[in-house]
Amino acid sequence: MGITVNLDSELIAVARSYSAVESRSVPRQIEHWARIGRIAEENPDLNYAIIRDILLGQEDVKWGNVEEYRPGIL
């Protein structure tokens, strides 16, 4: 369900730049920031790089891009 939200024009301008680089729409970029912000608030001990790596790992599992770990085998 979508809702209408009034946002500061400066935030929208910055989101527009980031969204172009990240190949997202402006609304999706703002949603991304909100998601990362929520995760960061819920896990203050995690920095952005760790949060990103966890999210990437979850997507790998979702798409089956994983292998079974076998200790001692390189």
C-alpha atoms as a PDB file:
ATOM      1  CA  MET A   1       0.000   0.000   0.000  1.00  0.00           C
ATOM      2  CA  GLY A   2       1.460   3.337  -1.001  1.00  0.00           C
ATOM      3  CA  ILE A   3       1.007   6.610   0.821  1.00  0.00           C
ATOM      4  CA  THR A   4       1.827  10.157  -0.133  1.00  0.00           C
ATOM      5  CA  VAL A   5       4.627  11.759   1.867  1.00  0.00           C
ATOM      6  CA  ASN A   6       5.945  15.305   1.568  1.00  0.00           C
ATOM      7  CA  LEU A   7       9.747  15.278   1.537  1.00  0.00           C
ATOM      8  CA  ASP A   8      12.302  18.059   1.605  1.00  0.00           C
ATOM      9  CA  SER A   9      13.355  19.094  -1.903  1.00  0.00           C
ATOM     10  CA  GLU A  10      17.036  18.782  -0.946  1.00  0.00           C
ATOM     11  CA  LEU A  11      16.514  15.131   0.078  1.00  0.00           C
ATOM     12  CA  ILE A  12      14.784  14.452  -3.233  1.00  0.00           C
ATOM     13  CA  ALA A  13      17.627  16.094  -5.174  1.00  0.00           C
ATOM     14  CA  VAL A  14      20.240  13.985  -3.392  1.00  0.00           C
ATOM     15  CA  ALA A  15      18.111  10.861  -3.856  1.00  0.00           C
ATOM     16  CA  ARG A  16      17.856  11.638  -7.559  1.00  0.00           C
ATOM     17  CA  SER A  17      21.664  11.620  -7.876  1.00  0.00           C
ATOM     18  CA  TYR A  18      22.064   8.401  -5.898  1.00  0.00           C
ATOM     19  CA  SER A  19      19.191   6.733  -7.727  1.00  0.00           C
ATOM     20  CA  ALA A  20      20.846   7.395 -11.094  1.00  0.00           C
ATOM     21  CA  VAL A  21      24.097   5.806  -9.930  1.00  0.00           C
ATOM     22  CA  GLU A  22      22.349   2.847  -8.277  1.00  0.00           C
ATOM     23  CA  SER A  23      19.869   2.297 -11.155  1.00  0.00           C
ATOM     24  CA  ARG A  24      16.858   2.826  -8.926  1.00  0.00           C
ATOM     25  CA  SER A  25      13.902   5.156  -9.124  1.00  0.00           C
ATOM     26  CA  VAL A  26      13.886   8.058  -6.665  1.00  0.00           C
ATOM     27  CA  PRO A  27      11.146   6.437  -4.535  1.00  0.00           C
ATOM     28  CA  ARG A  28      13.065   3.120  -4.492  1.00  0.00           C
ATOM     29  CA  GLN A  29      16.244   4.950  -3.448  1.00  0.00           C
ATOM     30  CA  ILE A  30      14.431   6.563  -0.527  1.00  0.00           C
ATOM     31  CA  GLU A  31      12.915   3.172   0.409  1.00  0.00           C
ATOM     32  CA  HIS A  32      16.427   1.686   0.307  1.00  0.00           C
ATOM     33  CA  TRP A  33      17.740   4.377   2.651  1.00  0.00           C
ATOM     34  CA  ALA A  34      14.791   3.822   4.991  1.00  0.00           C
ATOM     35  CA  ARG A  35      15.427   0.064   5.044  1.00  0.00           C
ATOM     36  CA  ILE A  36      19.138   0.526   5.774  1.00  0.00           C
ATOM     37  CA  GLY A  37      18.327   3.116   8.435  1.00  0.00           C
ATOM     38  CA  ARG A  38      15.840   0.793  10.139  1.00  0.00           C
ATOM     39  CA  ILE A  39      18.350  -2.065  10.146  1.00  0.00           C
ATOM     40  CA  ALA A  40      21.061   0.256  11.514  1.00  0.00           C
ATOM     41  CA  GLU A  41      18.801   1.477  14.320  1.00  0.00           C
ATOM     42  CA  GLU A  42      17.864  -2.089  15.248  1.00  0.00           C
ATOM     43  CA  ASN A  43      21.540  -3.186  15.124  1.00  0.00           C
ATOM     44  CA  PRO A  44      23.696  -0.257  16.273  1.00  0.00           C
ATOM     45  CA  ASP A  45      26.802  -2.452  16.430  1.00  0.00           C
ATOM     46  CA  LEU A  46      26.730  -3.044  12.638  1.00  0.00           C
ATOM     47  CA  ASN A  47      28.266  -0.602  10.179  1.00  0.00           C
ATOM     48  CA  TYR A  48      26.976  -0.059   6.649  1.00  0.00           C
ATOM     49  CA  ALA A  49      29.468  -2.467   5.043  1.00  0.00           C
ATOM     50  CA  ILE A  50      28.364  -5.297   7.328  1.00  0.00           C
ATOM     51  CA  ILE A  51      24.678  -4.552   6.734  1.00  0.00           C
ATOM     52  CA  ARG A  52      25.265  -4.539   2.966  1.00  0.00           C
ATOM     53  CA  ASP A  53      27.168  -7.839   3.124  1.00  0.00           C
ATOM     54  CA  ILE A  54      24.398  -9.470   5.170  1.00  0.00           C
ATOM     55  CA  LEU A  55      21.758  -8.284   2.690  1.00  0.00           C
ATOM     56  CA  LEU A  56      23.856  -9.538  -0.228  1.00  0.00           C
ATOM     57  CA  GLY A  57      24.248 -12.901   1.509  1.00  0.00           C
ATOM     58  CA  GLN A  58      20.498 -13.137   2.023  1.00  0.00           C
ATOM     59  CA  GLU A  59      19.923 -12.469  -1.676  1.00  0.00           C
ATOM     60  CA  ASP A  60      22.512 -15.128  -2.605  1.00  0.00           C
ATOM     61  CA  VAL A  61      20.632 -17.675  -0.488  1.00  0.00           C
ATOM     62  CA  LYS A  62      17.314 -16.546  -1.977  1.00  0.00           C
ATOM     63  CA  TRP A  63      18.613 -17.103  -5.527  1.00  0.00           C
ATOM     64  CA  GLY A  64      20.527 -20.302  -4.763  1.00  0.00           C
ATOM     65  CA  ASN A  65      23.981 -18.790  -5.263  1.00  0.00           C
ATOM     66  CA  VAL A  66      25.499 -20.775  -2.401  1.00  0.00           C
ATOM     67  CA  GLU A  67      27.670 -23.814  -1.861  1.00  0.00           C
ATOM     68  CA  GLU A  68      27.923 -26.146   1.086  1.00  0.00           C
ATOM     69  CA  TYR A  69      30.880 -25.269   3.301  1.00  0.00           C
ATOM     70  CA  ARG A  70      33.347 -28.127   3.722  1.00  0.00           C
ATOM     71  CA  PRO A  71      36.069 -27.473   6.296  1.00  0.00           C
ATOM     72  CA  GLY A  72      39.609 -28.039   5.071  1.00  0.00           C
ATOM     73  CA  ILE A  73      38.698 -28.024   1.379  1.00  0.00           C
ATOM     74  CA  LEU A  74      39.898 -25.028  -0.608  1.00  0.00           C
END
